[in-house]
């Protein structure tokens, strides 16, 4: 994992986006990462999306780190995991 990117334990369920959103801190800037509830259910089963995220946090943070490094943000500046 890239040590310049940190992931505080502040994930939330965003009802409007139907996604778990979680912050990443890189060089003092806060970035927003997200993964849809549908993607979480597809990948990890029918658990609660927040619980699935928490159970697989390390792998998802690694994917988010890669997306940030590759500058794969959307038009809002969010980094979405598939």
N, C-alpha and C. Protein backbone atom coordinates (compact mmCIF):
# COMPACT_ATOMS: atom_id res chain seq x y z
N UNK A 1 0.84 -1.18 0.00
CA UNK A 1 0.00 0.00 0.00
C UNK A 1 0.88 1.24 0.00
N UNK A 2 0.47 2.24 -0.72
CA UNK A 2 1.18 3.50 -0.81
C UNK A 2 1.08 4.22 0.54
N UNK A 3 2.21 4.44 1.19
CA UNK A 3 2.20 5.06 2.51
C UNK A 3 1.79 6.53 2.47
N UNK A 4 1.81 7.16 1.31
CA UNK A 4 1.39 8.55 1.19
C UNK A 4 -0.13 8.68 1.24
N UNK A 5 -0.85 7.58 1.10
CA UNK A 5 -2.31 7.59 1.12
C UNK A 5 -2.76 6.90 2.40
N UNK A 6 -3.59 7.59 3.17
CA UNK A 6 -4.12 7.03 4.41
C UNK A 6 -5.63 6.95 4.31
N UNK A 7 -6.21 5.95 4.97
CA UNK A 7 -7.65 5.73 4.95
C UNK A 7 -8.18 5.72 6.39
N UNK A 8 -8.70 6.86 6.86
CA UNK A 8 -9.28 6.86 8.21
C UNK A 8 -10.54 6.00 8.25
N UNK A 9 -10.86 5.48 9.41
CA UNK A 9 -12.04 4.63 9.58
C UNK A 9 -13.29 5.51 9.71
N UNK A 10 -13.70 6.13 8.61
CA UNK A 10 -14.87 7.02 8.63
C UNK A 10 -15.80 6.74 7.45
N UNK A 11 -15.99 5.47 7.15
CA UNK A 11 -16.87 5.11 6.04
C UNK A 11 -18.33 5.34 6.44
N UNK A 12 -19.13 5.69 5.45
CA UNK A 12 -20.57 5.91 5.66
C UNK A 12 -21.34 5.27 4.52
N UNK A 13 -22.62 5.00 4.77
CA UNK A 13 -23.53 4.60 3.70
C UNK A 13 -24.18 5.87 3.18
N UNK A 14 -24.01 6.14 1.90
CA UNK A 14 -24.62 7.31 1.25
C UNK A 14 -25.87 6.82 0.53
N UNK A 15 -27.02 7.16 1.08
CA UNK A 15 -28.30 6.69 0.55
C UNK A 15 -28.53 7.19 -0.87
N UNK A 16 -28.21 8.44 -1.14
CA UNK A 16 -28.42 9.01 -2.47
C UNK A 16 -27.58 8.30 -3.53
N UNK A 17 -26.33 8.00 -3.19
CA UNK A 17 -25.43 7.34 -4.14
C UNK A 17 -25.58 5.83 -4.11
N UNK A 18 -26.29 5.30 -3.07
CA UNK A 18 -26.41 3.86 -2.86
C UNK A 18 -25.02 3.22 -2.84
N UNK A 19 -24.14 3.83 -2.04
CA UNK A 19 -22.75 3.40 -2.00
C UNK A 19 -22.15 3.62 -0.62
N UNK A 20 -21.14 2.84 -0.32
CA UNK A 20 -20.30 3.12 0.84
C UNK A 20 -19.25 4.11 0.38
N UNK A 21 -19.19 5.24 1.06
CA UNK A 21 -18.21 6.28 0.75
C UNK A 21 -17.20 6.32 1.88
N UNK A 22 -15.94 6.51 1.53
CA UNK A 22 -14.90 6.54 2.53
C UNK A 22 -13.80 7.50 2.11
N UNK A 23 -13.24 8.21 3.09
CA UNK A 23 -12.22 9.21 2.76
C UNK A 23 -10.84 8.58 2.60
N UNK A 24 -10.05 9.27 1.81
CA UNK A 24 -8.62 8.96 1.68
C UNK A 24 -7.88 10.29 1.87
N UNK A 25 -6.79 10.24 2.56
CA UNK A 25 -5.96 11.42 2.77
C UNK A 25 -4.66 11.23 2.02
N UNK A 26 -4.36 12.18 1.14
CA UNK A 26 -3.13 12.11 0.37
C UNK A 26 -2.48 13.48 0.37
N UNK A 27 -1.30 13.57 0.95
CA UNK A 27 -0.54 14.82 1.02
C UNK A 27 -1.40 15.96 1.58
N UNK A 28 -2.18 15.67 2.62
CA UNK A 28 -2.99 16.68 3.28
C UNK A 28 -4.33 16.96 2.63
N UNK A 29 -4.60 16.37 1.48
CA UNK A 29 -5.89 16.57 0.80
C UNK A 29 -6.81 15.41 1.10
N UNK A 30 -8.10 15.72 1.33
CA UNK A 30 -9.08 14.65 1.52
C UNK A 30 -9.75 14.34 0.19
N UNK A 31 -9.74 13.08 -0.15
CA UNK A 31 -10.38 12.59 -1.37
C UNK A 31 -11.54 11.69 -0.97
N UNK A 32 -12.50 11.53 -1.87
CA UNK A 32 -13.63 10.65 -1.60
C UNK A 32 -13.55 9.43 -2.49
N UNK A 33 -13.64 8.26 -1.86
CA UNK A 33 -13.69 6.99 -2.56
C UNK A 33 -15.06 6.37 -2.30
N UNK A 34 -15.51 5.54 -3.22
CA UNK A 34 -16.83 4.93 -3.05
C UNK A 34 -16.90 3.59 -3.78
N UNK A 35 -17.78 2.75 -3.26
CA UNK A 35 -18.11 1.48 -3.92
C UNK A 35 -19.60 1.27 -3.73
N UNK A 36 -20.28 0.92 -4.79
CA UNK A 36 -21.73 0.78 -4.71
C UNK A 36 -22.13 -0.44 -3.88
N UNK A 37 -23.29 -0.34 -3.27
CA UNK A 37 -23.82 -1.47 -2.53
C UNK A 37 -23.99 -2.67 -3.43
N UNK A 38 -24.39 -2.44 -4.67
CA UNK A 38 -24.56 -3.52 -5.64
C UNK A 38 -23.23 -4.24 -5.89
N UNK A 39 -22.15 -3.48 -6.05
CA UNK A 39 -20.83 -4.09 -6.26
C UNK A 39 -20.41 -4.90 -5.04
N UNK A 40 -20.64 -4.36 -3.86
CA UNK A 40 -20.29 -5.09 -2.64
C UNK A 40 -21.07 -6.40 -2.55
N UNK A 41 -22.38 -6.35 -2.83
CA UNK A 41 -23.19 -7.57 -2.76
C UNK A 41 -22.74 -8.58 -3.82
N UNK A 42 -22.43 -8.09 -5.00
CA UNK A 42 -21.98 -8.97 -6.08
C UNK A 42 -20.66 -9.66 -5.73
N UNK A 43 -19.77 -8.92 -5.12
CA UNK A 43 -18.44 -9.44 -4.82
C UNK A 43 -18.39 -10.29 -3.55
N UNK A 44 -19.17 -9.89 -2.53
CA UNK A 44 -19.00 -10.50 -1.22
C UNK A 44 -20.25 -11.13 -0.64
N UNK A 45 -21.34 -11.14 -1.38
CA UNK A 45 -22.57 -11.73 -0.87
C UNK A 45 -23.59 -10.70 -0.43
N UNK A 46 -24.65 -11.18 0.17
CA UNK A 46 -25.79 -10.33 0.50
C UNK A 46 -25.72 -9.66 1.86
N UNK A 47 -24.52 -9.51 2.41
CA UNK A 47 -24.38 -8.85 3.69
C UNK A 47 -24.73 -7.37 3.59
N UNK A 48 -24.88 -6.76 4.73
CA UNK A 48 -25.04 -5.32 4.81
C UNK A 48 -23.83 -4.66 4.13
N UNK A 49 -24.03 -3.67 3.25
CA UNK A 49 -22.90 -3.07 2.53
C UNK A 49 -21.80 -2.53 3.44
N UNK A 50 -22.18 -1.84 4.51
CA UNK A 50 -21.14 -1.32 5.42
C UNK A 50 -20.37 -2.45 6.09
N UNK A 51 -21.08 -3.51 6.47
CA UNK A 51 -20.40 -4.65 7.09
C UNK A 51 -19.47 -5.33 6.08
N UNK A 52 -19.91 -5.48 4.84
CA UNK A 52 -19.06 -6.06 3.80
C UNK A 52 -17.81 -5.22 3.59
N UNK A 53 -18.00 -3.90 3.56
CA UNK A 53 -16.85 -3.02 3.40
C UNK A 53 -15.87 -3.23 4.55
N UNK A 54 -16.38 -3.25 5.76
CA UNK A 54 -15.51 -3.39 6.93
C UNK A 54 -14.78 -4.73 6.94
N UNK A 55 -15.44 -5.78 6.51
CA UNK A 55 -14.82 -7.10 6.47
C UNK A 55 -13.71 -7.19 5.42
N UNK A 56 -13.83 -6.40 4.36
CA UNK A 56 -12.88 -6.47 3.24
C UNK A 56 -12.12 -5.16 3.05
N UNK A 57 -12.05 -4.39 4.13
CA UNK A 57 -11.45 -3.06 4.10
C UNK A 57 -10.06 -3.04 3.46
N UNK A 58 -9.16 -3.94 3.85
CA UNK A 58 -7.78 -3.89 3.37
C UNK A 58 -7.70 -4.04 1.85
N UNK A 59 -8.45 -4.99 1.31
CA UNK A 59 -8.43 -5.18 -0.15
C UNK A 59 -9.03 -3.98 -0.87
N UNK A 60 -10.13 -3.45 -0.33
CA UNK A 60 -10.79 -2.31 -0.98
C UNK A 60 -9.93 -1.05 -0.89
N UNK A 61 -9.24 -0.86 0.22
CA UNK A 61 -8.35 0.29 0.33
C UNK A 61 -7.19 0.17 -0.65
N UNK A 62 -6.72 -1.03 -0.87
CA UNK A 62 -5.65 -1.24 -1.85
C UNK A 62 -6.14 -0.88 -3.26
N UNK A 63 -7.36 -1.30 -3.59
CA UNK A 63 -7.94 -0.92 -4.89
C UNK A 63 -8.11 0.59 -5.01
N UNK A 64 -8.56 1.22 -3.93
CA UNK A 64 -8.73 2.67 -3.94
C UNK A 64 -7.38 3.36 -4.11
N UNK A 65 -6.37 2.86 -3.45
CA UNK A 65 -5.03 3.42 -3.59
C UNK A 65 -4.57 3.36 -5.05
N UNK A 66 -4.82 2.23 -5.70
CA UNK A 66 -4.47 2.09 -7.12
C UNK A 66 -5.25 3.08 -7.98
N UNK A 67 -6.55 3.23 -7.71
CA UNK A 67 -7.38 4.16 -8.49
C UNK A 67 -6.89 5.60 -8.32
N UNK A 68 -6.52 5.95 -7.09
CA UNK A 68 -6.00 7.30 -6.84
C UNK A 68 -4.68 7.50 -7.56
N UNK A 69 -3.79 6.54 -7.46
CA UNK A 69 -2.49 6.63 -8.14
C UNK A 69 -2.64 6.75 -9.64
N UNK A 70 -3.67 6.07 -10.19
CA UNK A 70 -3.92 6.11 -11.63
C UNK A 70 -4.79 7.29 -12.05
N UNK A 71 -5.18 8.13 -11.08
CA UNK A 71 -6.00 9.33 -11.32
C UNK A 71 -7.31 8.99 -12.02
N UNK A 72 -8.03 7.99 -11.49
CA UNK A 72 -9.27 7.52 -12.11
C UNK A 72 -10.51 8.15 -11.46
N UNK A 73 -10.48 9.44 -11.19
CA UNK A 73 -11.63 10.09 -10.57
C UNK A 73 -12.71 10.40 -11.60
N UNK A 74 -13.96 10.48 -11.11
CA UNK A 74 -15.07 10.83 -11.99
C UNK A 74 -15.20 12.35 -12.08
N UNK A 75 -16.26 12.83 -12.69
CA UNK A 75 -16.45 14.26 -12.90
C UNK A 75 -16.59 15.04 -11.58
N UNK A 76 -16.98 14.37 -10.51
CA UNK A 76 -17.08 15.03 -9.20
C UNK A 76 -15.78 14.94 -8.41
N UNK A 77 -14.82 14.21 -8.94
CA UNK A 77 -13.56 14.01 -8.24
C UNK A 77 -13.56 12.81 -7.31
N UNK A 78 -14.58 11.96 -7.41
CA UNK A 78 -14.67 10.74 -6.60
C UNK A 78 -13.95 9.60 -7.29
N UNK A 79 -13.43 8.69 -6.49
CA UNK A 79 -12.77 7.49 -6.99
C UNK A 79 -13.68 6.31 -6.70
N UNK A 80 -14.26 5.74 -7.76
CA UNK A 80 -15.22 4.64 -7.63
C UNK A 80 -14.52 3.31 -7.86
N UNK A 81 -14.83 2.35 -6.98
CA UNK A 81 -14.36 0.98 -7.17
C UNK A 81 -15.46 0.20 -7.84
N UNK A 82 -15.09 -0.73 -8.69
CA UNK A 82 -16.13 -1.52 -9.36
C UNK A 82 -16.31 -2.85 -8.70
